[in-house]
Amino acid sequence: MIDFIVYIMIGITAGILSGLFGIGGGIVIIPALMFLQGFSQLKAQGTSLVAMLPPVGILAFLEYYKRGYTDLSAGIIICIAIVIGAKFGAQFANTLPLDIMRKAFGAFIILVGIKTFFGK
């Protein structure tokens, strides 16, 4: 049950940030699965593709899937939550001044980069 809740939160966060900044998969889902769920880089990438399969990446997903680097249930839960979160992120983004959006996006990218660079 805890995993289910974590996957929902990852999906909602990715959806909100996707609606807010136009990002989601690689920059949110992959690090979240690695740091919160202990997925390997490849399993996180493969699972992220499950979540994003409807809009992108079916051929890449199939390669990861054939090699066992996907978690289908996690990816599907995240996919559903992304749809919900993206709506709220987009609504919020449209209420913020562009200068605030630019600075928030830059800060977010820097934080993710630092966390990814220095590891756990």
C-alpha atoms as a PDB file:
ATOM      1  CA  MET A   1       0.000   0.000   0.000  1.00  0.00           C
ATOM      2  CA  ILE A   2       2.866   2.385   0.788  1.00  0.00           C
ATOM      3  CA  ASP A   3       4.336   1.819  -2.694  1.00  0.00           C
ATOM      4  CA  PHE A   4       0.937   2.594  -4.230  1.00  0.00           C
ATOM      5  CA  ILE A   5       0.790   5.921  -2.354  1.00  0.00           C
ATOM      6  CA  VAL A   6       4.377   6.785  -3.342  1.00  0.00           C
ATOM      7  CA  TYR A   7       3.598   6.036  -7.009  1.00  0.00           C
ATOM      8  CA  ILE A   8       0.475   8.223  -6.827  1.00  0.00           C
ATOM      9  CA  MET A   9       2.514  11.071  -5.327  1.00  0.00           C
ATOM     10  CA  ILE A  10       5.247  10.704  -7.970  1.00  0.00           C
ATOM     11  CA  GLY A  11       2.618  10.804 -10.717  1.00  0.00           C
ATOM     12  CA  ILE A  12       0.789  13.805  -9.270  1.00  0.00           C
ATOM     13  CA  THR A  13       4.073  15.665  -8.774  1.00  0.00           C
ATOM     14  CA  ALA A  14       5.168  14.851 -12.342  1.00  0.00           C
ATOM     15  CA  GLY A  15       1.762  15.925 -13.626  1.00  0.00           C
ATOM     16  CA  ILE A  16       1.789  19.199 -11.716  1.00  0.00           C
ATOM     17  CA  LEU A  17       5.345  19.987 -12.836  1.00  0.00           C
ATOM     18  CA  SER A  18       4.472  18.954 -16.383  1.00  0.00           C
ATOM     19  CA  GLY A  19       1.553  21.354 -16.415  1.00  0.00           C
ATOM     20  CA  LEU A  20       3.581  24.015 -14.630  1.00  0.00           C
ATOM     21  CA  PHE A  21       6.921  23.769 -16.466  1.00  0.00           C
ATOM     22  CA  GLY A  22       6.327  21.392 -19.377  1.00  0.00           C
ATOM     23  CA  ILE A  23       8.485  18.659 -17.783  1.00  0.00           C
ATOM     24  CA  GLY A  24       7.779  15.356 -16.089  1.00  0.00           C
ATOM     25  CA  GLY A  25       9.309  12.077 -17.160  1.00  0.00           C
ATOM     26  CA  GLY A  26      13.057  12.225 -17.079  1.00  0.00           C
ATOM     27  CA  ILE A  27      13.417  15.116 -14.697  1.00  0.00           C
ATOM     28  CA  VAL A  28      10.832  14.055 -12.084  1.00  0.00           C
ATOM     29  CA  ILE A  29       9.785  10.416 -12.384  1.00  0.00           C
ATOM     30  CA  ILE A  30      13.220   8.854 -12.874  1.00  0.00           C
ATOM     31  CA  PRO A  31      14.949  10.563  -9.922  1.00  0.00           C
ATOM     32  CA  ALA A  32      11.872  10.034  -7.719  1.00  0.00           C
ATOM     33  CA  LEU A  33      11.792   6.299  -8.430  1.00  0.00           C
ATOM     34  CA  MET A  34      15.536   6.042  -7.790  1.00  0.00           C
ATOM     35  CA  PHE A  35      15.614   8.053  -4.563  1.00  0.00           C
ATOM     36  CA  LEU A  36      12.206   7.207  -3.074  1.00  0.00           C
ATOM     37  CA  GLN A  37      11.773   3.614  -4.233  1.00  0.00           C
ATOM     38  CA  GLY A  38      15.372   2.442  -4.686  1.00  0.00           C
ATOM     39  CA  PHE A  39      14.955   1.628  -8.396  1.00  0.00           C
ATOM     40  CA  SER A  40      18.111   1.278 -10.470  1.00  0.00           C
ATOM     41  CA  GLN A  41      18.695   3.911 -13.148  1.00  0.00           C
ATOM     42  CA  LEU A  42      17.588   1.502 -15.879  1.00  0.00           C
ATOM     43  CA  LYS A  43      14.503   0.285 -14.014  1.00  0.00           C
ATOM     44  CA  ALA A  44      13.519   3.896 -13.261  1.00  0.00           C
ATOM     45  CA  GLN A  45      13.943   4.822 -16.941  1.00  0.00           C
ATOM     46  CA  GLY A  46      11.983   1.797 -18.116  1.00  0.00           C
ATOM     47  CA  THR A  47       9.188   2.397 -15.602  1.00  0.00           C
ATOM     48  CA  SER A  48       9.032   6.079 -16.548  1.00  0.00           C
ATOM     49  CA  LEU A  49       8.450   4.970 -20.138  1.00  0.00           C
ATOM     50  CA  VAL A  50       5.514   2.811 -18.986  1.00  0.00           C
ATOM     51  CA  ALA A  51       3.993   5.958 -17.459  1.00  0.00           C
ATOM     52  CA  MET A  52       4.637   8.037 -20.569  1.00  0.00           C
ATOM     53  CA  LEU A  53       3.842   5.281 -23.077  1.00  0.00           C
ATOM     54  CA  PRO A  54       0.587   6.757 -24.371  1.00  0.00           C
ATOM     55  CA  PRO A  55       2.219   9.969 -25.600  1.00  0.00           C
ATOM     56  CA  VAL A  56       5.824   8.879 -26.256  1.00  0.00           C
ATOM     57  CA  GLY A  57       8.379   6.117 -26.320  1.00  0.00           C
ATOM     58  CA  ILE A  58       6.663   2.824 -27.212  1.00  0.00           C
ATOM     59  CA  LEU A  59       9.698   1.407 -28.998  1.00  0.00           C
ATOM     60  CA  ALA A  60      12.095   2.458 -26.236  1.00  0.00           C
ATOM     61  CA  PHE A  61       9.697   1.031 -23.638  1.00  0.00           C
ATOM     62  CA  LEU A  62       9.624  -2.325 -25.449  1.00  0.00           C
ATOM     63  CA  GLU A  63      13.438  -2.543 -25.311  1.00  0.00           C
ATOM     64  CA  TYR A  64      13.464  -1.856 -21.553  1.00  0.00           C
ATOM     65  CA  TYR A  65      10.548  -4.266 -21.050  1.00  0.00           C
ATOM     66  CA  LYS A  66      12.266  -7.117 -22.954  1.00  0.00           C
ATOM     67  CA  ARG A  67      15.283  -6.762 -20.664  1.00  0.00           C
ATOM     68  CA  GLY A  68      13.215  -6.702 -17.461  1.00  0.00           C
ATOM     69  CA  TYR A  69      13.785  -3.032 -16.642  1.00  0.00           C
ATOM     70  CA  THR A  70      10.184  -1.983 -16.102  1.00  0.00           C
ATOM     71  CA  ASP A  71       7.585  -2.124 -13.357  1.00  0.00           C
ATOM     72  CA  LEU A  72       4.265  -2.103 -15.202  1.00  0.00           C
ATOM     73  CA  SER A  73       2.017  -1.498 -12.188  1.00  0.00           C
ATOM     74  CA  ALA A  74       4.133   1.428 -10.958  1.00  0.00           C
ATOM     75  CA  GLY A  75       4.201   2.938 -14.450  1.00  0.00           C
ATOM     76  CA  ILE A  76       0.443   2.641 -14.957  1.00  0.00           C
ATOM     77  CA  ILE A  77      -0.368   4.188 -11.557  1.00  0.00           C
ATOM     78  CA  ILE A  78       2.038   7.067 -12.247  1.00  0.00           C
ATOM     79  CA  CYS A  79       0.492   7.551 -15.708  1.00  0.00           C
ATOM     80  CA  ILE A  80      -3.014   7.975 -14.286  1.00  0.00           C
ATOM     81  CA  ALA A  81      -1.784  10.344 -11.580  1.00  0.00           C
ATOM     82  CA  ILE A  82       0.134  12.439 -14.157  1.00  0.00           C
ATOM     83  CA  VAL A  83      -3.115  13.187 -15.985  1.00  0.00           C
ATOM     84  CA  ILE A  84      -4.691  14.487 -12.783  1.00  0.00           C
ATOM     85  CA  GLY A  85      -1.639  16.425 -11.605  1.00  0.00           C
ATOM     86  CA  ALA A  86      -0.986  18.028 -15.012  1.00  0.00           C
ATOM     87  CA  LYS A  87      -4.385  19.707 -14.958  1.00  0.00           C
ATOM     88  CA  PHE A  88      -3.714  21.348 -11.593  1.00  0.00           C
ATOM     89  CA  GLY A  89      -0.134  22.288 -12.517  1.00  0.00           C
ATOM     90  CA  ALA A  90      -1.294  23.958 -15.725  1.00  0.00           C
ATOM     91  CA  GLN A  91      -4.033  25.863 -13.887  1.00  0.00           C
ATOM     92  CA  PHE A  92      -1.540  27.099 -11.294  1.00  0.00           C
ATOM     93  CA  ALA A  93       1.070  28.028 -13.930  1.00  0.00           C
ATOM     94  CA  ASN A  94      -1.442  30.266 -15.636  1.00  0.00           C
ATOM     95  CA  THR A  95      -1.846  32.311 -12.450  1.00  0.00           C
ATOM     96  CA  LEU A  96       1.865  33.070 -11.963  1.00  0.00           C
ATOM     97  CA  PRO A  97       3.922  35.905 -13.476  1.00  0.00           C
ATOM     98  CA  LEU A  98       6.349  34.719 -16.173  1.00  0.00           C
ATOM     99  CA  ASP A  99       9.367  35.974 -14.204  1.00  0.00           C
ATOM    100  CA  ILE A 100       8.391  33.806 -11.232  1.00  0.00           C
ATOM    101  CA  MET A 101       7.864  30.805 -13.514  1.00  0.00           C
ATOM    102  CA  ARG A 102      11.304  31.210 -15.097  1.00  0.00           C
ATOM    103  CA  LYS A 103      13.057  31.483 -11.738  1.00  0.00           C
ATOM    104  CA  ALA A 104      11.118  28.576 -10.221  1.00  0.00           C
ATOM    105  CA  PHE A 105      11.954  26.370 -13.196  1.00  0.00           C
ATOM    106  CA  GLY A 106      15.646  27.267 -12.999  1.00  0.00           C
ATOM    107  CA  ALA A 107      15.774  26.580  -9.258  1.00  0.00           C
ATOM    108  CA  PHE A 108      14.017  23.242  -9.708  1.00  0.00           C
ATOM    109  CA  ILE A 109      16.440  22.099 -12.420  1.00  0.00           C
ATOM    110  CA  ILE A 110      19.447  23.084 -10.289  1.00  0.00           C
ATOM    111  CA  LEU A 111      18.122  21.194  -7.253  1.00  0.00           C
ATOM    112  CA  VAL A 112      17.432  18.045  -9.251  1.00  0.00           C
ATOM    113  CA  GLY A 113      20.878  18.285 -10.848  1.00  0.00           C
ATOM    114  CA  ILE A 114      22.609  18.621  -7.473  1.00  0.00           C
ATOM    115  CA  LYS A 115      20.654  15.708  -5.996  1.00  0.00           C
ATOM    116  CA  THR A 116      21.359  13.527  -9.024  1.00  0.00           C
ATOM    117  CA  PHE A 117      25.052  14.460  -9.153  1.00  0.00           C
ATOM    118  CA  PHE A 118      25.737  13.769  -5.474  1.00  0.00           C
ATOM    119  CA  GLY A 119      23.571  10.634  -5.307  1.00  0.00           C
ATOM    120  CA  LYS A 120      21.591   9.333  -2.375  1.00  0.00           C
END
